[in-house]
């Protein structure tokens, strides 16, 4: 099968346009993953602060502690 240069150029341009579009979509998807890293950092910090607060508060009183105080 012999293609003339004009048809071959059109095929190549079409292929390049599709590849560029796929690359743009991939770049957008990659950018959207960055905020999730920040979110997980926020979640980790929040959980650490909650754990610190619970540690500072001390152990929770159990049902037997109320009986011994009365």
PDB file of N, CA and C in Angstrom:
ATOM      1  N   UNK A   1       0.847  -1.164   0.000  1.00  0.00           N
ATOM      2  CA  UNK A   1       0.000   0.000   0.000  1.00  0.00           C
ATOM      3  C   UNK A   1       0.898   1.234   0.000  1.00  0.00           C
ATOM      4  N   UNK A   2       0.728   2.048  -0.978  1.00  0.00           N
ATOM      5  CA  UNK A   2       1.559   3.236  -1.140  1.00  0.00           C
ATOM      6  C   UNK A   2       0.703   4.471  -0.895  1.00  0.00           C
ATOM      7  N   UNK A   3       1.096   5.291   0.084  1.00  0.00           N
ATOM      8  CA  UNK A   3       0.363   6.513   0.398  1.00  0.00           C
ATOM      9  C   UNK A   3       1.154   7.708  -0.110  1.00  0.00           C
ATOM     10  N   UNK A   4       0.421   8.665  -0.629  1.00  0.00           N
ATOM     11  CA  UNK A   4       1.129   9.867  -1.035  1.00  0.00           C
ATOM     12  C   UNK A   4       1.484  10.686   0.212  1.00  0.00           C
ATOM     13  N   UNK A   5       2.446  11.569   0.120  1.00  0.00           N
ATOM     14  CA  UNK A   5       2.925  12.319   1.300  1.00  0.00           C
ATOM     15  C   UNK A   5       1.838  13.151   1.974  1.00  0.00           C
ATOM     16  N   UNK A   6       0.891  13.687   1.221  1.00  0.00           N
ATOM     17  CA  UNK A   6      -0.161  14.513   1.801  1.00  0.00           C
ATOM     18  C   UNK A   6      -1.058  13.680   2.728  1.00  0.00           C
ATOM     19  N   UNK A   7      -1.471  12.512   2.273  1.00  0.00           N
ATOM     20  CA  UNK A   7      -2.325  11.641   3.083  1.00  0.00           C
ATOM     21  C   UNK A   7      -1.559  11.162   4.315  1.00  0.00           C
ATOM     22  N   UNK A   8      -0.306  10.827   4.144  1.00  0.00           N
ATOM     23  CA  UNK A   8       0.519  10.387   5.262  1.00  0.00           C
ATOM     24  C   UNK A   8       0.652  11.510   6.301  1.00  0.00           C
ATOM     25  N   UNK A   9       0.806  12.740   5.837  1.00  0.00           N
ATOM     26  CA  UNK A   9       0.909  13.880   6.752  1.00  0.00           C
ATOM     27  C   UNK A   9      -0.398  14.081   7.513  1.00  0.00           C
ATOM     28  N   UNK A  10      -1.532  13.921   6.866  1.00  0.00           N
ATOM     29  CA  UNK A  10      -2.819  14.051   7.548  1.00  0.00           C
ATOM     30  C   UNK A  10      -2.998  12.974   8.618  1.00  0.00           C
ATOM     31  N   UNK A  11      -2.576  11.763   8.304  1.00  0.00           N
ATOM     32  CA  UNK A  11      -2.683  10.673   9.275  1.00  0.00           C
ATOM     33  C   UNK A  11      -1.806  10.961  10.492  1.00  0.00           C
ATOM     34  N   UNK A  12      -0.597  11.443  10.244  1.00  0.00           N
ATOM     35  CA  UNK A  12       0.324  11.746  11.342  1.00  0.00           C
ATOM     36  C   UNK A  12      -0.209  12.903  12.189  1.00  0.00           C
ATOM     37  N   UNK A  13      -0.760  13.928  11.558  1.00  0.00           N
ATOM     38  CA  UNK A  13      -1.309  15.060  12.308  1.00  0.00           C
ATOM     39  C   UNK A  13      -2.484  14.622  13.176  1.00  0.00           C
ATOM     40  N   UNK A  14      -3.325  13.749  12.641  1.00  0.00           N
ATOM     41  CA  UNK A  14      -4.456  13.245  13.401  1.00  0.00           C
ATOM     42  C   UNK A  14      -3.975  12.444  14.616  1.00  0.00           C
ATOM     43  N   UNK A  15      -3.006  11.599  14.397  1.00  0.00           N
ATOM     44  CA  UNK A  15      -2.453  10.785  15.485  1.00  0.00           C
ATOM     45  C   UNK A  15      -1.821  11.676  16.562  1.00  0.00           C
ATOM     46  N   UNK A  16      -1.061  12.697  16.135  1.00  0.00           N
ATOM     47  CA  UNK A  16      -0.447  13.618  17.097  1.00  0.00           C
ATOM     48  C   UNK A  16      -1.503  14.395  17.883  1.00  0.00           C
ATOM     49  N   UNK A  17      -2.577  14.799  17.235  1.00  0.00           N
ATOM     50  CA  UNK A  17      -3.645  15.522  17.924  1.00  0.00           C
ATOM     51  C   UNK A  17      -4.286  14.640  18.993  1.00  0.00           C
ATOM     52  N   UNK A  18      -4.523  13.363  18.669  1.00  0.00           N
ATOM     53  CA  UNK A  18      -5.100  12.446  19.652  1.00  0.00           C
ATOM     54  C   UNK A  18      -4.145  12.221  20.823  1.00  0.00           C
ATOM     55  N   UNK A  19      -2.855  12.068  20.529  1.00  0.00           N
ATOM     56  CA  UNK A  19      -1.876  11.859  21.598  1.00  0.00           C
ATOM     57  C   UNK A  19      -1.751  13.102  22.497  1.00  0.00           C
ATOM     58  N   UNK A  20      -1.807  14.277  21.888  1.00  0.00           N
ATOM     59  CA  UNK A  20      -1.748  15.503  22.691  1.00  0.00           C
ATOM     60  C   UNK A  20      -2.971  15.622  23.590  1.00  0.00           C
ATOM     61  N   UNK A  21      -4.136  15.248  23.072  1.00  0.00           N
ATOM     62  CA  UNK A  21      -5.354  15.297  23.884  1.00  0.00           C
ATOM     63  C   UNK A  21      -5.259  14.313  25.049  1.00  0.00           C
ATOM     64  N   UNK A  22      -4.755  13.119  24.800  1.00  0.00           N
ATOM     65  CA  UNK A  22      -4.581  12.143  25.876  1.00  0.00           C
ATOM     66  C   UNK A  22      -3.569  12.650  26.908  1.00  0.00           C
ATOM     67  N   UNK A  23      -2.515  13.300  26.451  1.00  0.00           N
ATOM     68  CA  UNK A  23      -1.514  13.842  27.374  1.00  0.00           C
ATOM     69  C   UNK A  23      -2.118  14.947  28.236  1.00  0.00           C
ATOM     70  N   UNK A  24      -2.975  15.769  27.643  1.00  0.00           N
ATOM     71  CA  UNK A  24      -3.619  16.834  28.411  1.00  0.00           C
ATOM     72  C   UNK A  24      -4.540  16.248  29.472  1.00  0.00           C
ATOM     73  N   UNK A  25      -5.284  15.208  29.129  1.00  0.00           N
ATOM     74  CA  UNK A  25      -6.159  14.554  30.111  1.00  0.00           C
ATOM     75  C   UNK A  25      -5.320  13.941  31.231  1.00  0.00           C
ATOM     76  N   UNK A  26      -4.231  13.300  30.866  1.00  0.00           N
ATOM     77  CA  UNK A  26      -3.351  12.697  31.870  1.00  0.00           C
ATOM     78  C   UNK A  26      -2.773  13.771  32.804  1.00  0.00           C
ATOM     79  N   UNK A  27      -2.410  14.917  32.252  1.00  0.00           N
ATOM     80  CA  UNK A  27      -1.875  16.005  33.076  1.00  0.00           C
ATOM     81  C   UNK A  27      -2.923  16.520  34.053  1.00  0.00           C
ATOM     82  N   UNK A  28      -4.176  16.623  33.607  1.00  0.00           N
ATOM     83  CA  UNK A  28      -5.241  17.077  34.501  1.00  0.00           C
ATOM     84  C   UNK A  28      -5.488  16.069  35.624  1.00  0.00           C
ATOM     85  N   UNK A  29      -5.463  14.803  35.287  1.00  0.00           N
ATOM     86  CA  UNK A  29      -5.663  13.772  36.303  1.00  0.00           C
ATOM     87  C   UNK A  29      -4.517  13.796  37.304  1.00  0.00           C
ATOM     88  N   UNK A  30      -3.307  13.981  36.831  1.00  0.00           N
ATOM     89  CA  UNK A  30      -2.146  14.027  37.722  1.00  0.00           C
ATOM     90  C   UNK A  30      -2.218  15.225  38.653  1.00  0.00           C
ATOM     91  N   UNK A  31      -2.707  16.349  38.165  1.00  0.00           N
ATOM     92  CA  UNK A  31      -2.837  17.540  39.004  1.00  0.00           C
ATOM     93  C   UNK A  31      -3.875  17.342  40.089  1.00  0.00           C
ATOM     94  N   UNK A  32      -4.917  16.587  39.806  1.00  0.00           N
ATOM     95  CA  UNK A  32      -5.973  16.390  40.796  1.00  0.00           C
ATOM     96  C   UNK A  32      -5.524  15.497  41.932  1.00  0.00           C
ATOM     97  N   UNK A  33      -4.473  14.744  41.760  1.00  0.00           N
ATOM     98  CA  UNK A  33      -3.993  13.883  42.824  1.00  0.00           C
ATOM     99  C   UNK A  33      -3.216  14.660  43.880  1.00  0.00           C
ATOM    100  N   UNK A  34      -2.726  15.841  43.576  1.00  0.00           N
ATOM    101  CA  UNK A  34      -1.934  16.615  44.533  1.00  0.00           C
ATOM    102  C   UNK A  34      -2.772  17.054  45.730  1.00  0.00           C
ATOM    103  N   UNK A  35      -3.995  17.584  45.556  1.00  0.00           N
ATOM    104  CA  UNK A  35      -4.761  17.971  46.736  1.00  0.00           C
ATOM    105  C   UNK A  35      -5.090  16.804  47.662  1.00  0.00           C
ATOM    106  N   UNK A  36      -5.189  15.583  47.136  1.00  0.00           N
ATOM    107  CA  UNK A  36      -5.485  14.455  48.008  1.00  0.00           C
ATOM    108  C   UNK A  36      -4.329  14.207  48.969  1.00  0.00           C
ATOM    109  N   UNK A  37      -3.100  14.518  48.548  1.00  0.00           N
ATOM    110  CA  UNK A  37      -1.976  14.386  49.466  1.00  0.00           C
ATOM    111  C   UNK A  37      -2.090  15.406  50.585  1.00  0.00           C
ATOM    112  N   UNK A  38      -2.527  16.604  50.263  1.00  0.00           N
ATOM    113  CA  UNK A  38      -2.722  17.618  51.294  1.00  0.00           C
ATOM    114  C   UNK A  38      -3.835  17.200  52.238  1.00  0.00           C
ATOM    115  N   UNK A  39      -4.883  16.617  51.681  1.00  0.00           N
ATOM    116  CA  UNK A  39      -5.994  16.183  52.511  1.00  0.00           C
ATOM    117  C   UNK A  39      -5.530  15.101  53.474  1.00  0.00           C
ATOM    118  N   UNK A  40      -4.758  14.155  52.991  1.00  0.00           N
ATOM    119  CA  UNK A  40      -4.311  13.101  53.888  1.00  0.00           C
ATOM    120  C   UNK A  40      -3.388  13.668  54.963  1.00  0.00           C
ATOM    121  N   UNK A  41      -2.615  14.680  54.628  1.00  0.00           N
ATOM    122  CA  UNK A  41      -1.769  15.328  55.630  1.00  0.00           C
ATOM    123  C   UNK A  41      -2.646  16.020  56.667  1.00  0.00           C
ATOM    124  N   UNK A  42      -3.719  16.660  56.217  1.00  0.00           N
ATOM    125  CA  UNK A  42      -4.656  17.317  57.114  1.00  0.00           C
ATOM    126  C   UNK A  42      -5.330  16.298  58.026  1.00  0.00           C
ATOM    127  N   UNK A  43      -5.685  15.163  57.435  1.00  0.00           N
ATOM    128  CA  UNK A  43      -6.335  14.107  58.219  1.00  0.00           C
ATOM    129  C   UNK A  43      -5.368  13.557  59.260  1.00  0.00           C
ATOM    130  N   UNK A  44      -4.122  13.327  58.848  1.00  0.00           N
ATOM    131  CA  UNK A  44      -3.136  12.813  59.798  1.00  0.00           C
ATOM    132  C   UNK A  44      -2.895  13.799  60.930  1.00  0.00           C
ATOM    133  N   UNK A  45      -2.814  15.085  60.615  1.00  0.00           N
ATOM    134  CA  UNK A  45      -2.610  16.095  61.649  1.00  0.00           C
ATOM    135  C   UNK A  45      -3.801  16.149  62.597  1.00  0.00           C
ATOM    136  N   UNK A  46      -4.999  16.089  62.042  1.00  0.00           N
ATOM    137  CA  UNK A  46      -6.200  16.108  62.879  1.00  0.00           C
ATOM    138  C   UNK A  46      -6.266  14.923  63.817  1.00  0.00           C
ATOM    139  N   UNK A  47      -5.960  13.755  63.285  1.00  0.00           N
ATOM    140  CA  UNK A  47      -5.973  12.559  64.132  1.00  0.00           C
ATOM    141  C   UNK A  47      -4.899  12.630  65.213  1.00  0.00           C
ATOM    142  N   UNK A  48      -3.749  13.191  64.877  1.00  0.00           N
ATOM    143  CA  UNK A  48      -2.690  13.343  65.875  1.00  0.00           C
ATOM    144  C   UNK A  48      -3.124  14.301  66.976  1.00  0.00           C
ATOM    145  N   UNK A  49      -3.801  15.388  66.613  1.00  0.00           N
ATOM    146  CA  UNK A  49      -4.272  16.335  67.622  1.00  0.00           C
ATOM    147  C   UNK A  49      -5.356  15.724  68.502  1.00  0.00           C
ATOM    148  N   UNK A  50      -6.237  14.924  67.898  1.00  0.00           N
ATOM    149  CA  UNK A  50      -7.264  14.244  68.687  1.00  0.00           C
ATOM    150  C   UNK A  50      -6.614  13.281  69.668  1.00  0.00           C
ATOM    151  N   UNK A  51      -5.624  12.533  69.185  1.00  0.00           N
ATOM    152  CA  UNK A  51      -4.914  11.609  70.072  1.00  0.00           C
ATOM    153  C   UNK A  51      -4.202  12.335  71.192  1.00  0.00           C
ATOM    154  N   UNK A  52      -3.607  13.479  70.882  1.00  0.00           N
ATOM    155  CA  UNK A  52      -2.933  14.269  71.914  1.00  0.00           C
ATOM    156  C   UNK A  52      -3.934  14.766  72.953  1.00  0.00           C
ATOM    157  N   UNK A  53      -5.089  15.225  72.492  1.00  0.00           N
ATOM    158  CA  UNK A  53      -6.123  15.678  73.431  1.00  0.00           C
ATOM    159  C   UNK A  53      -6.616  14.569  74.327  1.00  0.00           C
ATOM    160  N   UNK A  54      -6.810  13.391  73.769  1.00  0.00           N
ATOM    161  CA  UNK A  54      -7.247  12.258  74.587  1.00  0.00           C
ATOM    162  C   UNK A  54      -6.169  11.870  75.597  1.00  0.00           C
ATOM    163  N   UNK A  55      -4.924  11.950  75.181  1.00  0.00           N
ATOM    164  CA  UNK A  55      -3.825  11.611  76.085  1.00  0.00           C
ATOM    165  C   UNK A  55      -3.749  12.614  77.236  1.00  0.00           C
ATOM    166  N   UNK A  56      -3.924  13.896  76.912  1.00  0.00           N
ATOM    167  CA  UNK A  56      -3.879  14.925  77.942  1.00  0.00           C
ATOM    168  C   UNK A  56      -5.070  14.825  78.896  1.00  0.00           C
ATOM    169  N   UNK A  57      -6.222  14.429  78.393  1.00  0.00           N
ATOM    170  CA  UNK A  57      -7.422  14.311  79.223  1.00  0.00           C
ATOM    171  C   UNK A  57      -7.288  13.170  80.221  1.00  0.00           C
ATOM    172  N   UNK A  58      -6.586  12.136  79.848  1.00  0.00           N
ATOM    173  CA  UNK A  58      -6.406  10.992  80.742  1.00  0.00           C
ATOM    174  C   UNK A  58      -7.434   9.916  80.451  1.00  0.00           C
ATOM    175  N   UNK A  59      -7.394   8.853  81.234  1.00  0.00           N
ATOM    176  CA  UNK A  59      -8.317   7.743  80.994  1.00  0.00           C
ATOM    177  C   UNK A  59      -9.749   8.135  81.337  1.00  0.00           C
ATOM    178  N   UNK A  60     -10.675   7.554  80.587  1.00  0.00           N
ATOM    179  CA  UNK A  60     -12.091   7.819  80.845  1.00  0.00           C
ATOM    180  C   UNK A  60     -12.536   6.991  82.048  1.00  0.00           C
ATOM    181  N   UNK A  61     -13.388   7.556  82.884  1.00  0.00           N
ATOM    182  CA  UNK A  61     -13.860   6.796  84.038  1.00  0.00           C
ATOM    183  C   UNK A  61     -14.770   5.654  83.587  1.00  0.00           C
ATOM    184  N   UNK A  62     -14.623   4.521  84.212  1.00  0.00           N
ATOM    185  CA  UNK A  62     -15.446   3.370  83.901  1.00  0.00           C
ATOM    186  C   UNK A  62     -16.666   3.307  84.796  1.00  0.00           C
ATOM    187  N   UNK A  63     -17.520   2.305  84.612  1.00  0.00           N
ATOM    188  CA  UNK A  63     -18.729   2.203  85.443  1.00  0.00           C
ATOM    189  C   UNK A  63     -18.413   1.926  86.913  1.00  0.00           C
ATOM    190  N   UNK A  64     -17.302   1.280  87.214  1.00  0.00           N
ATOM    191  CA  UNK A  64     -16.950   0.999  88.610  1.00  0.00           C
ATOM    192  C   UNK A  64     -16.436   2.228  89.327  1.00  0.00           C
ATOM    193  N   UNK A  65     -15.868   3.182  88.596  1.00  0.00           N
ATOM    194  CA  UNK A  65     -15.366   4.398  89.231  1.00  0.00           C
ATOM    195  C   UNK A  65     -16.495   5.210  89.875  1.00  0.00           C
ATOM    196  N   UNK A  66     -17.683   5.205  89.270  1.00  0.00           N
ATOM    197  CA  UNK A  66     -18.809   5.938  89.837  1.00  0.00           C
ATOM    198  C   UNK A  66     -19.265   5.287  91.151  1.00  0.00           C
ATOM    199  N   UNK A  67     -19.188   3.974  91.239  1.00  0.00           N
ATOM    200  CA  UNK A  67     -19.601   3.290  92.461  1.00  0.00           C
ATOM    201  C   UNK A  67     -18.643   3.555  93.605  1.00  0.00           C
ATOM    202  N   UNK A  68     -17.380   3.675  93.307  1.00  0.00           N
ATOM    203  CA  UNK A  68     -16.406   3.872  94.391  1.00  0.00           C
ATOM    204  C   UNK A  68     -16.420   5.307  94.910  1.00  0.00           C
ATOM    205  N   UNK A  69     -16.873   6.260  94.079  1.00  0.00           N
ATOM    206  CA  UNK A  69     -16.933   7.659  94.532  1.00  0.00           C
ATOM    207  C   UNK A  69     -18.142   7.915  95.412  1.00  0.00           C
ATOM    208  N   UNK A  70     -19.187   7.171  95.267  1.00  0.00           N
ATOM    209  CA  UNK A  70     -20.437   7.427  95.996  1.00  0.00           C
ATOM    210  C   UNK A  70     -20.378   7.008  97.439  1.00  0.00           C
TER     211      UNK A  70
END
